[in-house]
Each structure stands twice: as C-alpha cells, then as structure tokens.
Amino acid sequence: MADSTGRSASRIRVLLVDDHQVVRRGLRTFLEVQEDIEVVGEASDGEEGIARAEELRPDVILMDVKMPGTDGIEALRRLREPANPARVLIVTSFTEQRTAVPALRAGAAGYVYKDIDPDALAAAIRSVRAGHVVLQPEVAEALLAQEEQSPAAGRPGSLTDREREVLGLIADGRSNREIARALVLSEKTVKTHVSNILMKLDLSDRTQAALWAVRHGITE
C-alpha cells in the first residue's frame, strides 16, 4: 500500500552513506531481503549523503563516521539544520569515546559497530525508525561516564510528576507514540512534555535525556 507520495506505507526507506563500496554493497545485499526495509539510495561521503537525503527523504540513514571530505559528524549537524525527518544510525568501526560522543551530540539516533549481527542491524533500523535510541553497551557506558564528569544541567525536582513519567519512558526507549499510549495522552501533549523536559534540564535531545534519567534514577 502506498501513501499520497507514492511511497510504501509499510516499508522503511533507507539511505546508505559510506565511503567503502564493499560495505555499501554488503549492507544493500542484506537489507534487500528484509520485507519491511527498502534501500532507496547510496552515497560515498557526507556531502553526497546530505544531497541524497534531501532528494530521497529516507526514513533512516545508515552513516559511517570517518569519511573523506565531509565526515559523518559534520553531515549529522547539517542534516539537523533543515529539520530533515530522517533518523541517522551510525554504523562504524570506530569504537573510541571521542568518536561516539560527538556523533550522538550531533543528533545520531543510534551508534553501532560494523561487526553487528545482521539481524540485530535490521532490528536497530526498525527501532530508530520507531523513535527509539539504539546504542552499543560500550557507547552507553562512555556517554554515562562523560555525563558523570559534567555538572548536572538541571535537578529532578524541577520536573513535574507527569514530566518525570515521560522522562522515565524516554529512558526506557519509548517513542512519543508509545508514551502517548502508555499515559493515555495525545502525541502533541507528549511532544510538549518532551520539549519542556529538554528546556528545564538544558539538554539538546532524547539521547541526553535518556542518559540523564539513568544517571538520576528516573527509569520505568
């Protein structure tokens, strides 16, 4: 079934951005056998990835970090500027904290390694498309360690009871739609709560909010 733009209403449209053709080919070969995932395009660097994202409007972008010219982190920052709806999942061989943290701060919805099990990668694509944050355990630990070294941006007491509930569900990896269902709220109301949480705690995105919640013991 297609929507008004002619797109499949059920398949996840994926763009591959990696400077190694063999990696793109491998990803495409695996993803093309997934019934609910469609590879709509490829790019060999961040600059081309930005252009292809604007042209193709994918749901999820699989992007490497280290690429010639415009790298993945710079591409992430620029993709956020026009409010591109695509969710970016970093798929890389770089495991250093200095690479993972900036990528997530720039707006990545997830960070996994290239040796990830193929089925786990497909699950990660579905998860970030649904609004969740997907992190390798080591990456989550690195982010938590950095949060511990930074002064707290806000205090739990600055949140209302409802905002604490929403924050706990964010930490549990729930999307706005899932939070709305769990709390019997409209998605618009949930979005307002999320915006208030980020503003009160001086955080920039859901990833930071989830980590802040874990650090302060606000979890479901």
N, C-alpha and C. Protein backbone atom coordinates (compact mmCIF):
# COMPACT_ATOMS: atom_id res chain seq x y z
N MET A 1 0.84 -1.20 0.00
CA MET A 1 0.00 0.00 0.00
C MET A 1 0.88 1.24 0.00
N ALA A 2 0.56 2.25 -0.80
CA ALA A 2 1.38 3.45 -0.91
C ALA A 2 0.63 4.65 -0.36
N ASP A 3 1.39 5.66 0.10
CA ASP A 3 0.77 6.88 0.58
C ASP A 3 0.61 7.85 -0.57
N SER A 4 0.25 9.13 -0.27
CA SER A 4 -0.01 10.12 -1.32
C SER A 4 1.22 10.47 -2.13
N THR A 5 2.42 10.16 -1.61
CA THR A 5 3.65 10.46 -2.35
C THR A 5 4.10 9.28 -3.20
N GLY A 6 3.35 8.18 -3.12
CA GLY A 6 3.73 7.02 -3.90
C GLY A 6 4.64 6.08 -3.14
N ARG A 7 4.99 6.40 -1.91
CA ARG A 7 5.87 5.55 -1.13
C ARG A 7 5.09 4.40 -0.50
N SER A 8 5.80 3.32 -0.22
CA SER A 8 5.18 2.23 0.52
C SER A 8 4.90 2.71 1.93
N ALA A 9 3.70 2.44 2.39
CA ALA A 9 3.31 2.91 3.72
C ALA A 9 3.91 2.04 4.82
N SER A 10 4.41 0.84 4.46
CA SER A 10 4.88 -0.07 5.48
C SER A 10 6.39 -0.28 5.47
N ARG A 11 7.06 -0.01 4.38
CA ARG A 11 8.49 -0.26 4.29
C ARG A 11 9.30 0.93 4.78
N ILE A 12 10.43 0.63 5.41
CA ILE A 12 11.33 1.66 5.93
C ILE A 12 12.32 2.02 4.83
N ARG A 13 12.33 3.27 4.42
CA ARG A 13 13.22 3.73 3.35
C ARG A 13 14.59 4.08 3.93
N VAL A 14 15.63 3.42 3.43
CA VAL A 14 16.97 3.54 4.00
C VAL A 14 17.95 4.10 2.96
N LEU A 15 18.78 5.03 3.41
CA LEU A 15 19.88 5.57 2.60
C LEU A 15 21.20 5.11 3.21
N LEU A 16 22.12 4.61 2.40
CA LEU A 16 23.42 4.14 2.85
C LEU A 16 24.48 5.18 2.55
N VAL A 17 25.23 5.61 3.57
CA VAL A 17 26.29 6.61 3.38
C VAL A 17 27.59 6.06 3.96
N ASP A 18 28.49 5.64 3.08
CA ASP A 18 29.76 5.05 3.50
C ASP A 18 30.73 5.18 2.34
N ASP A 19 31.99 5.50 2.63
CA ASP A 19 32.95 5.70 1.54
C ASP A 19 33.49 4.39 0.96
N HIS A 20 33.19 3.27 1.59
CA HIS A 20 33.64 1.98 1.07
C HIS A 20 32.52 1.29 0.31
N GLN A 21 32.74 1.10 -0.98
CA GLN A 21 31.71 0.50 -1.81
C GLN A 21 31.37 -0.91 -1.36
N VAL A 22 32.37 -1.66 -0.90
CA VAL A 22 32.12 -3.04 -0.49
C VAL A 22 31.21 -3.08 0.73
N VAL A 23 31.32 -2.08 1.61
CA VAL A 23 30.44 -2.00 2.79
C VAL A 23 29.02 -1.71 2.33
N ARG A 24 28.87 -0.73 1.45
CA ARG A 24 27.53 -0.40 0.95
C ARG A 24 26.89 -1.59 0.25
N ARG A 25 27.70 -2.30 -0.53
CA ARG A 25 27.18 -3.45 -1.26
C ARG A 25 26.72 -4.54 -0.28
N GLY A 26 27.52 -4.76 0.76
CA GLY A 26 27.16 -5.77 1.75
C GLY A 26 25.88 -5.41 2.49
N LEU A 27 25.77 -4.14 2.88
CA LEU A 27 24.57 -3.68 3.57
C LEU A 27 23.34 -3.81 2.67
N ARG A 28 23.49 -3.38 1.42
CA ARG A 28 22.36 -3.45 0.49
C ARG A 28 21.92 -4.90 0.28
N THR A 29 22.89 -5.79 0.08
CA THR A 29 22.57 -7.21 -0.16
C THR A 29 21.75 -7.78 0.98
N PHE A 30 22.14 -7.47 2.20
CA PHE A 30 21.39 -7.99 3.35
C PHE A 30 20.04 -7.32 3.50
N LEU A 31 20.01 -5.98 3.41
CA LEU A 31 18.78 -5.25 3.67
C LEU A 31 17.71 -5.50 2.61
N GLU A 32 18.13 -5.80 1.39
CA GLU A 32 17.15 -6.01 0.32
C GLU A 32 16.32 -7.27 0.51
N VAL A 33 16.76 -8.17 1.39
CA VAL A 33 15.96 -9.38 1.64
C VAL A 33 14.98 -9.17 2.81
N GLN A 34 15.05 -8.00 3.43
CA GLN A 34 14.12 -7.69 4.51
C GLN A 34 12.82 -7.16 3.92
N GLU A 35 11.71 -7.78 4.25
CA GLU A 35 10.44 -7.43 3.64
C GLU A 35 9.99 -6.01 3.97
N ASP A 36 10.42 -5.50 5.13
CA ASP A 36 9.92 -4.18 5.55
C ASP A 36 10.96 -3.07 5.39
N ILE A 37 12.08 -3.36 4.71
CA ILE A 37 13.14 -2.36 4.53
C ILE A 37 13.46 -2.22 3.04
N GLU A 38 13.57 -0.98 2.59
CA GLU A 38 13.88 -0.70 1.19
C GLU A 38 15.08 0.25 1.11
N VAL A 39 16.14 -0.16 0.45
CA VAL A 39 17.30 0.71 0.24
C VAL A 39 17.00 1.61 -0.94
N VAL A 40 16.87 2.92 -0.68
CA VAL A 40 16.45 3.84 -1.75
C VAL A 40 17.62 4.57 -2.40
N GLY A 41 18.82 4.46 -1.81
CA GLY A 41 19.95 5.14 -2.42
C GLY A 41 21.24 4.94 -1.64
N GLU A 42 22.35 5.41 -2.23
CA GLU A 42 23.66 5.30 -1.62
C GLU A 42 24.42 6.61 -1.81
N ALA A 43 25.41 6.84 -0.95
CA ALA A 43 26.30 7.99 -1.08
C ALA A 43 27.67 7.59 -0.54
N SER A 44 28.72 8.18 -1.10
CA SER A 44 30.07 7.78 -0.74
C SER A 44 30.75 8.73 0.24
N ASP A 45 30.09 9.83 0.61
CA ASP A 45 30.63 10.73 1.62
C ASP A 45 29.51 11.58 2.20
N GLY A 46 29.85 12.37 3.22
CA GLY A 46 28.83 13.15 3.90
C GLY A 46 28.14 14.17 3.01
N GLU A 47 28.90 14.82 2.15
CA GLU A 47 28.32 15.85 1.28
C GLU A 47 27.28 15.25 0.34
N GLU A 48 27.66 14.13 -0.27
CA GLU A 48 26.71 13.46 -1.16
C GLU A 48 25.53 12.91 -0.36
N GLY A 49 25.81 12.47 0.86
CA GLY A 49 24.75 11.94 1.71
C GLY A 49 23.70 12.99 2.03
N ILE A 50 24.14 14.21 2.31
CA ILE A 50 23.22 15.31 2.59
C ILE A 50 22.33 15.58 1.38
N ALA A 51 22.96 15.64 0.21
CA ALA A 51 22.21 15.91 -1.02
C ALA A 51 21.21 14.80 -1.31
N ARG A 52 21.63 13.54 -1.13
CA ARG A 52 20.74 12.42 -1.39
C ARG A 52 19.60 12.37 -0.38
N ALA A 53 19.90 12.75 0.87
CA ALA A 53 18.85 12.76 1.90
C ALA A 53 17.78 13.79 1.55
N GLU A 54 18.21 14.95 1.07
CA GLU A 54 17.24 15.98 0.70
C GLU A 54 16.43 15.56 -0.52
N GLU A 55 17.06 14.81 -1.42
CA GLU A 55 16.39 14.37 -2.64
C GLU A 55 15.43 13.20 -2.37
N LEU A 56 15.89 12.23 -1.59
CA LEU A 56 15.14 10.98 -1.42
C LEU A 56 14.24 10.95 -0.19
N ARG A 57 14.53 11.82 0.79
CA ARG A 57 13.75 11.87 2.03
C ARG A 57 13.58 10.48 2.66
N PRO A 58 14.69 9.81 2.97
CA PRO A 58 14.59 8.48 3.58
C PRO A 58 14.08 8.56 5.01
N ASP A 59 13.66 7.42 5.54
CA ASP A 59 13.24 7.34 6.93
C ASP A 59 14.45 7.19 7.84
N VAL A 60 15.42 6.39 7.40
CA VAL A 60 16.62 6.10 8.20
C VAL A 60 17.85 6.22 7.30
N ILE A 61 18.90 6.82 7.84
CA ILE A 61 20.18 6.91 7.13
C ILE A 61 21.20 6.09 7.91
N LEU A 62 21.84 5.12 7.25
CA LEU A 62 22.96 4.40 7.85
C LEU A 62 24.22 5.12 7.42
N MET A 63 24.97 5.67 8.39
CA MET A 63 26.10 6.53 8.04
C MET A 63 27.36 6.16 8.80
N ASP A 64 28.48 6.15 8.08
CA ASP A 64 29.78 5.96 8.72
C ASP A 64 30.20 7.29 9.34
N VAL A 65 31.19 7.25 10.25
CA VAL A 65 31.68 8.47 10.87
C VAL A 65 32.84 9.06 10.09
N LYS A 66 33.86 8.24 9.86
CA LYS A 66 35.06 8.71 9.19
C LYS A 66 34.96 8.53 7.70
N MET A 67 34.83 9.65 6.97
CA MET A 67 34.77 9.63 5.52
C MET A 67 35.56 10.81 4.99
N PRO A 68 36.11 10.72 3.78
CA PRO A 68 36.84 11.86 3.22
C PRO A 68 35.93 13.04 2.98
N GLY A 69 36.48 14.24 3.04
CA GLY A 69 35.66 15.44 2.83
C GLY A 69 34.77 15.68 4.03
N THR A 70 33.48 15.75 3.80
CA THR A 70 32.51 15.95 4.87
C THR A 70 32.29 14.63 5.60
N ASP A 71 32.71 14.58 6.87
CA ASP A 71 32.56 13.32 7.61
C ASP A 71 31.15 13.18 8.18
N GLY A 72 30.92 12.05 8.86
CA GLY A 72 29.59 11.76 9.35
C GLY A 72 29.08 12.74 10.38
N ILE A 73 29.96 13.23 11.24
CA ILE A 73 29.52 14.14 12.30
C ILE A 73 29.10 15.49 11.72
N GLU A 74 29.87 16.00 10.78
CA GLU A 74 29.50 17.26 10.13
C GLU A 74 28.20 17.09 9.34
N ALA A 75 28.07 15.94 8.68
CA ALA A 75 26.84 15.67 7.93
C ALA A 75 25.64 15.63 8.88
N LEU A 76 25.81 15.03 10.04
CA LEU A 76 24.73 14.98 11.03
C LEU A 76 24.29 16.38 11.43
N ARG A 77 25.25 17.25 11.71
CA ARG A 77 24.92 18.62 12.11
C ARG A 77 24.14 19.34 11.01
N ARG A 78 24.56 19.15 9.79
CA ARG A 78 23.90 19.83 8.69
C ARG A 78 22.54 19.25 8.35
N LEU A 79 22.38 17.97 8.59
CA LEU A 79 21.08 17.35 8.35
C LEU A 79 20.04 17.85 9.35
N ARG A 80 20.47 18.26 10.53
CA ARG A 80 19.54 18.76 11.53
C ARG A 80 19.06 20.16 11.22
N GLU A 81 19.87 20.94 10.50
CA GLU A 81 19.53 22.34 10.25
C GLU A 81 18.20 22.53 9.52
N PRO A 82 17.95 21.80 8.43
CA PRO A 82 16.66 21.98 7.75
C PRO A 82 15.57 21.10 8.34
N ALA A 83 15.82 20.56 9.52
CA ALA A 83 14.85 19.69 10.20
C ALA A 83 14.50 18.50 9.32
N ASN A 84 15.50 17.87 8.72
CA ASN A 84 15.29 16.67 7.93
C ASN A 84 14.72 15.58 8.83
N PRO A 85 13.62 14.96 8.45
CA PRO A 85 12.97 13.99 9.33
C PRO A 85 13.70 12.66 9.48
N ALA A 86 14.71 12.42 8.64
CA ALA A 86 15.39 11.13 8.69
C ALA A 86 16.08 10.92 10.03
N ARG A 87 16.04 9.68 10.51
CA ARG A 87 16.76 9.28 11.72
C ARG A 87 18.09 8.69 11.26
N VAL A 88 19.18 9.08 11.90
CA VAL A 88 20.51 8.63 11.47
C VAL A 88 21.05 7.59 12.44
N LEU A 89 21.38 6.43 11.90
CA LEU A 89 22.02 5.37 12.67
C LEU A 89 23.47 5.27 12.22
N ILE A 90 24.40 5.57 13.11
CA ILE A 90 25.81 5.47 12.79
C ILE A 90 26.21 4.00 12.79
N VAL A 91 26.84 3.56 11.69
CA VAL A 91 27.35 2.20 11.58
C VAL A 91 28.84 2.33 11.25
N THR A 92 29.69 2.03 12.21
CA THR A 92 31.10 2.35 12.06
C THR A 92 31.99 1.32 12.71
N SER A 93 33.28 1.38 12.37
CA SER A 93 34.27 0.50 13.00
C SER A 93 35.02 1.23 14.11
N PHE A 94 34.72 2.53 14.29
CA PHE A 94 35.41 3.32 15.30
C PHE A 94 34.70 3.19 16.65
N THR A 95 35.44 2.75 17.65
CA THR A 95 34.85 2.47 18.96
C THR A 95 35.28 3.47 20.03
N GLU A 96 36.13 4.44 19.67
CA GLU A 96 36.62 5.37 20.67
C GLU A 96 35.51 6.30 21.17
N GLN A 97 35.56 6.63 22.44
CA GLN A 97 34.58 7.55 23.03
C GLN A 97 34.60 8.89 22.32
N ARG A 98 35.79 9.34 21.90
CA ARG A 98 35.88 10.65 21.27
C ARG A 98 35.15 10.70 19.93
N THR A 99 34.85 9.54 19.36
CA THR A 99 34.08 9.49 18.13
C THR A 99 32.59 9.32 18.41
N ALA A 100 32.26 8.44 19.33
CA ALA A 100 30.85 8.14 19.62
C ALA A 100 30.13 9.33 20.22
N VAL A 101 30.74 9.98 21.21
CA VAL A 101 30.06 11.06 21.91
C VAL A 101 29.71 12.22 20.98
N PRO A 102 30.66 12.74 20.18
CA PRO A 102 30.29 13.84 19.28
C PRO A 102 29.20 13.46 18.28
N ALA A 103 29.21 12.22 17.82
CA ALA A 103 28.18 11.78 16.86
C ALA A 103 26.80 11.84 17.49
N LEU A 104 26.69 11.38 18.72
CA LEU A 104 25.40 11.40 19.40
C LEU A 104 24.99 12.81 19.77
N ARG A 105 25.96 13.64 20.15
CA ARG A 105 25.65 15.03 20.45
C ARG A 105 25.17 15.75 19.19
N ALA A 106 25.67 15.31 18.02
CA ALA A 106 25.29 15.96 16.76
C ALA A 106 23.91 15.53 16.27
N GLY A 107 23.33 14.52 16.93
CA GLY A 107 21.97 14.15 16.58
C GLY A 107 21.74 12.73 16.11
N ALA A 108 22.75 11.86 16.20
CA ALA A 108 22.53 10.47 15.79
C ALA A 108 21.49 9.80 16.69
N ALA A 109 20.67 8.97 16.10
CA ALA A 109 19.65 8.24 16.86
C ALA A 109 20.18 6.92 17.37
N GLY A 110 21.38 6.56 16.93
CA GLY A 110 21.96 5.31 17.38
C GLY A 110 23.40 5.20 16.92
N TYR A 111 24.13 4.28 17.55
CA TYR A 111 25.55 4.10 17.24
C TYR A 111 25.87 2.63 17.42
N VAL A 112 26.16 1.94 16.30
CA VAL A 112 26.51 0.52 16.35
C VAL A 112 27.77 0.29 15.53
N TYR A 113 28.37 -0.88 15.73
CA TYR A 113 29.62 -1.21 15.05
C TYR A 113 29.35 -2.07 13.82
N LYS A 114 30.29 -2.03 12.87
CA LYS A 114 30.10 -2.73 11.61
C LYS A 114 30.11 -4.25 11.76
N ASP A 115 30.58 -4.74 12.90
CA ASP A 115 30.56 -6.19 13.09
C ASP A 115 29.26 -6.65 13.76
N ILE A 116 28.27 -5.78 13.83
CA ILE A 116 26.98 -6.12 14.42
C ILE A 116 26.34 -7.26 13.64
N ASP A 117 25.65 -8.14 14.34
CA ASP A 117 24.92 -9.22 13.69
C ASP A 117 23.89 -8.63 12.72
N PRO A 118 23.81 -9.16 11.51
CA PRO A 118 22.88 -8.59 10.51
C PRO A 118 21.44 -8.46 11.00
N ASP A 119 20.95 -9.48 11.69
CA ASP A 119 19.58 -9.39 12.20
C ASP A 119 19.45 -8.29 13.25
N ALA A 120 20.51 -8.10 14.04
CA ALA A 120 20.50 -7.04 15.05
C ALA A 120 20.50 -5.67 14.37
N LEU A 121 21.19 -5.57 13.23
CA LEU A 121 21.20 -4.31 12.49
C LEU A 121 19.81 -4.00 11.96
N ALA A 122 19.13 -5.00 11.41
CA ALA A 122 17.77 -4.79 10.92
C ALA A 122 16.86 -4.35 12.07
N ALA A 123 17.04 -4.97 13.22
CA ALA A 123 16.24 -4.60 14.39
C ALA A 123 16.55 -3.17 14.82
N ALA A 124 17.82 -2.76 14.73
CA ALA A 124 18.21 -1.40 15.09
C ALA A 124 17.58 -0.39 14.15
N ILE A 125 17.52 -0.70 12.87
CA ILE A 125 16.88 0.19 11.90
C ILE A 125 15.41 0.37 12.24
N ARG A 126 14.75 -0.72 12.53
CA ARG A 126 13.32 -0.63 12.90
C ARG A 126 13.14 0.17 14.18
N SER A 127 14.06 -0.01 15.11
CA SER A 127 13.95 0.66 16.40
C SER A 127 14.12 2.17 16.28
N VAL A 128 15.15 2.61 15.55
CA VAL A 128 15.36 4.06 15.42
C VAL A 128 14.23 4.68 14.59
N ARG A 129 13.70 3.92 13.62
CA ARG A 129 12.57 4.43 12.83
C ARG A 129 11.35 4.66 13.74
N ALA A 130 11.23 3.84 14.77
CA ALA A 130 10.10 3.96 15.69
C ALA A 130 10.32 5.05 16.74
N GLY A 131 11.49 5.70 16.70
CA GLY A 131 11.74 6.79 17.63
C GLY A 131 12.61 6.43 18.81
N HIS A 132 13.15 5.21 18.83
CA HIS A 132 13.99 4.79 19.93
C HIS A 132 15.45 5.20 19.70
N VAL A 133 16.24 5.11 20.76
CA VAL A 133 17.68 5.34 20.68
C VAL A 133 18.37 3.99 20.82
N VAL A 134 19.29 3.68 19.90
CA VAL A 134 19.98 2.39 19.91
C VAL A 134 21.47 2.61 20.10
N LEU A 135 22.02 2.04 21.17
CA LEU A 135 23.44 2.21 21.47
C LEU A 135 24.08 0.88 21.80
N GLN A 136 25.31 0.68 21.31
CA GLN A 136 26.09 -0.46 21.79
C GLN A 136 26.34 -0.24 23.28
N PRO A 137 26.39 -1.28 24.10
CA PRO A 137 26.60 -1.12 25.55
C PRO A 137 27.81 -0.27 25.91
N GLU A 138 28.91 -0.44 25.17
CA GLU A 138 30.12 0.32 25.48
C GLU A 138 29.91 1.82 25.23
N VAL A 139 29.11 2.13 24.20
CA VAL A 139 28.85 3.53 23.87
C VAL A 139 28.01 4.17 24.97
N ALA A 140 27.00 3.44 25.42
CA ALA A 140 26.16 3.96 26.51
C ALA A 140 27.00 4.22 27.76
N GLU A 141 27.92 3.31 28.04
CA GLU A 141 28.79 3.47 29.21
C GLU A 141 29.68 4.69 29.05
N ALA A 142 30.20 4.91 27.85
CA ALA A 142 31.06 6.07 27.60
C ALA A 142 30.30 7.37 27.79
N LEU A 143 29.05 7.39 27.32
CA LEU A 143 28.24 8.59 27.48
C LEU A 143 27.90 8.85 28.94
N LEU A 144 27.57 7.80 29.65
CA LEU A 144 27.27 7.95 31.08
C LEU A 144 28.50 8.45 31.83
N ALA A 145 29.68 7.93 31.45
CA ALA A 145 30.90 8.37 32.11
C ALA A 145 31.14 9.84 31.87
N GLN A 146 30.87 10.32 30.65
CA GLN A 146 31.06 11.74 30.36
C GLN A 146 30.05 12.58 31.12
N GLU A 147 28.81 12.09 31.24
CA GLU A 147 27.80 12.81 31.99
C GLU A 147 28.21 12.95 33.45
N GLU A 148 28.83 11.90 33.99
CA GLU A 148 29.25 11.94 35.38
C GLU A 148 30.33 12.99 35.61
N GLN A 149 31.14 13.25 34.57
CA GLN A 149 32.22 14.22 34.69
C GLN A 149 31.74 15.65 34.49
N SER A 150 30.50 15.80 34.02
CA SER A 150 29.96 17.13 33.74
C SER A 150 29.01 17.54 34.85
N PRO A 151 28.94 18.82 35.18
CA PRO A 151 27.98 19.27 36.18
C PRO A 151 26.56 19.04 35.70
N ALA A 152 25.68 18.67 36.62
CA ALA A 152 24.29 18.42 36.25
C ALA A 152 23.66 19.67 35.68
N ALA A 153 22.96 19.51 34.57
CA ALA A 153 22.34 20.66 33.91
C ALA A 153 21.07 21.09 34.61
N GLY A 154 20.43 20.18 35.28
CA GLY A 154 19.20 20.50 35.97
C GLY A 154 18.99 19.57 37.14
N ARG A 155 17.93 19.75 37.86
CA ARG A 155 17.66 18.91 39.01
C ARG A 155 16.33 18.18 38.82
N PRO A 156 16.24 16.93 39.32
CA PRO A 156 14.98 16.19 39.18
C PRO A 156 13.79 16.96 39.73
N GLY A 157 13.99 17.74 40.78
CA GLY A 157 12.90 18.47 41.40
C GLY A 157 12.30 19.55 40.52
N SER A 158 12.98 19.90 39.42
CA SER A 158 12.45 20.93 38.53
C SER A 158 11.37 20.37 37.61
N LEU A 159 11.20 19.05 37.59
CA LEU A 159 10.22 18.41 36.71
C LEU A 159 8.92 18.14 37.45
N THR A 160 7.82 18.22 36.72
CA THR A 160 6.53 17.84 37.30
C THR A 160 6.45 16.32 37.35
N ASP A 161 5.46 15.80 38.06
CA ASP A 161 5.30 14.35 38.15
C ASP A 161 5.07 13.75 36.76
N ARG A 162 4.26 14.42 35.95
CA ARG A 162 4.00 13.91 34.60
C ARG A 162 5.27 13.92 33.75
N GLU A 163 6.08 14.98 33.87
CA GLU A 163 7.33 15.05 33.11
C GLU A 163 8.29 13.95 33.55
N ARG A 164 8.29 13.63 34.83
CA ARG A 164 9.13 12.52 35.31
C ARG A 164 8.67 11.20 34.70
N GLU A 165 7.35 11.02 34.58
CA GLU A 165 6.82 9.81 33.96
C GLU A 165 7.27 9.72 32.50
N VAL A 166 7.14 10.84 31.80
CA VAL A 166 7.55 10.87 30.39
C VAL A 166 9.04 10.60 30.27
N LEU A 167 9.83 11.20 31.13
CA LEU A 167 11.28 11.02 31.08
C LEU A 167 11.66 9.57 31.35
N GLY A 168 10.96 8.94 32.28
CA GLY A 168 11.23 7.54 32.56
C GLY A 168 10.97 6.66 31.35
N LEU A 169 9.93 6.98 30.61
CA LEU A 169 9.60 6.22 29.40
C LEU A 169 10.58 6.50 28.27
N ILE A 170 11.09 7.73 28.21
CA ILE A 170 12.14 8.04 27.23
C ILE A 170 13.37 7.18 27.53
N ALA A 171 13.72 7.08 28.82
CA ALA A 171 14.87 6.27 29.22
C ALA A 171 14.66 4.80 28.89
N ASP A 172 13.39 4.39 28.84
CA ASP A 172 13.06 3.01 28.51
C ASP A 172 13.05 2.78 27.00
N GLY A 173 13.36 3.83 26.24
CA GLY A 173 13.45 3.70 24.79
C GLY A 173 12.14 3.83 24.06
N ARG A 174 11.11 4.39 24.72
CA ARG A 174 9.80 4.51 24.08
C ARG A 174 9.74 5.70 23.13
N SER A 175 9.02 5.55 22.05
CA SER A 175 8.76 6.66 21.13
C SER A 175 7.64 7.53 21.68
N ASN A 176 7.44 8.70 21.09
CA ASN A 176 6.35 9.57 21.54
C ASN A 176 4.99 8.87 21.43
N ARG A 177 4.81 8.12 20.36
CA ARG A 177 3.54 7.41 20.18
C ARG A 177 3.33 6.39 21.30
N GLU A 178 4.38 5.66 21.63
CA GLU A 178 4.27 4.65 22.69
C GLU A 178 4.04 5.30 24.05
N ILE A 179 4.70 6.44 24.28
CA ILE A 179 4.48 7.16 25.54
C ILE A 179 3.05 7.64 25.63
N ALA A 180 2.54 8.16 24.52
CA ALA A 180 1.15 8.64 24.50
C ALA A 180 0.18 7.52 24.84
N ARG A 181 0.43 6.34 24.29
CA ARG A 181 -0.46 5.21 24.57
C ARG A 181 -0.35 4.79 26.04
N ALA A 182 0.89 4.75 26.55
CA ALA A 182 1.10 4.29 27.92
C ALA A 182 0.46 5.23 28.94
N LEU A 183 0.50 6.53 28.66
CA LEU A 183 -0.01 7.52 29.62
C LEU A 183 -1.39 8.05 29.25
N VAL A 184 -1.95 7.52 28.17
CA VAL A 184 -3.28 7.95 27.68
C VAL A 184 -3.26 9.46 27.43
N LEU A 185 -2.34 9.88 26.61
CA LEU A 185 -2.20 11.28 26.22
C LEU A 185 -2.17 11.37 24.70
N SER A 186 -2.31 12.56 24.17
CA SER A 186 -2.14 12.76 22.74
C SER A 186 -0.64 12.89 22.45
N GLU A 187 -0.24 12.57 21.21
CA GLU A 187 1.18 12.71 20.85
C GLU A 187 1.62 14.17 20.95
N LYS A 188 0.71 15.09 20.64
CA LYS A 188 1.04 16.51 20.74
C LYS A 188 1.38 16.89 22.18
N THR A 189 0.61 16.35 23.13
CA THR A 189 0.88 16.64 24.54
C THR A 189 2.22 16.05 24.96
N VAL A 190 2.52 14.85 24.48
CA VAL A 190 3.81 14.22 24.81
C VAL A 190 4.95 15.05 24.25
N LYS A 191 4.82 15.53 23.02
CA LYS A 191 5.86 16.37 22.42
C LYS A 191 6.10 17.62 23.27
N THR A 192 5.01 18.19 23.80
CA THR A 192 5.15 19.37 24.66
C THR A 192 5.90 19.01 25.93
N HIS A 193 5.57 17.88 26.53
CA HIS A 193 6.28 17.44 27.74
C HIS A 193 7.76 17.22 27.45
N VAL A 194 8.07 16.59 26.31
CA VAL A 194 9.47 16.33 25.95
C VAL A 194 10.21 17.66 25.79
N SER A 195 9.60 18.61 25.12
CA SER A 195 10.24 19.92 24.93
C SER A 195 10.49 20.61 26.27
N ASN A 196 9.51 20.51 27.18
CA ASN A 196 9.68 21.12 28.50
C ASN A 196 10.81 20.45 29.28
N ILE A 197 10.89 19.13 29.16
CA ILE A 197 11.95 18.39 29.86
C ILE A 197 13.32 18.84 29.37
N LEU A 198 13.48 18.90 28.05
CA LEU A 198 14.77 19.31 27.47
C LEU A 198 15.13 20.74 27.89
N MET A 199 14.12 21.62 27.90
CA MET A 199 14.37 23.01 28.27
C MET A 199 14.76 23.11 29.75
N LYS A 200 14.01 22.45 30.63
CA LYS A 200 14.28 22.55 32.07
C LYS A 200 15.63 21.96 32.45
N LEU A 201 16.02 20.90 31.77
CA LEU A 201 17.28 20.23 32.10
C LEU A 201 18.44 20.70 31.24
N ASP A 202 18.18 21.65 30.34
CA ASP A 202 19.20 22.19 29.45
C ASP A 202 19.88 21.09 28.65
N LEU A 203 19.06 20.24 28.05
CA LEU A 203 19.54 19.13 27.23
C LEU A 203 19.10 19.38 25.79
N SER A 204 19.82 18.76 24.85
CA SER A 204 19.54 19.07 23.45
C SER A 204 18.73 17.99 22.73
N ASP A 205 18.69 16.77 23.25
CA ASP A 205 17.97 15.73 22.53
C ASP A 205 17.57 14.59 23.46
N ARG A 206 16.85 13.62 22.90
CA ARG A 206 16.32 12.49 23.67
C ARG A 206 17.43 11.60 24.20
N THR A 207 18.53 11.49 23.46
CA THR A 207 19.64 10.66 23.93
C THR A 207 20.18 11.20 25.25
N GLN A 208 20.42 12.51 25.30
CA GLN A 208 20.89 13.13 26.53
C GLN A 208 19.86 12.98 27.64
N ALA A 209 18.58 13.11 27.29
CA ALA A 209 17.53 12.98 28.29
C ALA A 209 17.50 11.57 28.87
N ALA A 210 17.65 10.56 28.02
CA ALA A 210 17.65 9.18 28.49
C ALA A 210 18.82 8.92 29.43
N LEU A 211 19.98 9.43 29.07
CA LEU A 211 21.16 9.23 29.92
C LEU A 211 21.03 10.00 31.23
N TRP A 212 20.45 11.20 31.18
CA TRP A 212 20.24 11.99 32.39
C TRP A 212 19.30 11.24 33.32
N ALA A 213 18.27 10.62 32.74
CA ALA A 213 17.30 9.88 33.55
C ALA A 213 17.96 8.69 34.25
N VAL A 214 18.81 7.97 33.51
CA VAL A 214 19.52 6.82 34.10
C VAL A 214 20.43 7.29 35.23
N ARG A 215 21.13 8.38 34.96
CA ARG A 215 22.06 8.91 35.98
C ARG A 215 21.35 9.30 37.26
N HIS A 216 20.13 9.83 37.14
CA HIS A 216 19.41 10.31 38.30
C HIS A 216 18.34 9.33 38.79
N GLY A 217 18.39 8.11 38.26
CA GLY A 217 17.49 7.09 38.78
C GLY A 217 16.04 7.25 38.39
N ILE A 218 15.77 7.97 37.27
CA ILE A 218 14.39 8.15 36.81
C ILE A 218 14.16 7.19 35.66
N THR A 219 13.76 6.00 35.96
CA THR A 219 13.51 4.99 34.95
C THR A 219 12.25 4.23 35.29
N GLU A 220 11.69 3.60 34.24
CA GLU A 220 10.47 2.81 34.45
C GLU A 220 10.82 1.42 34.94
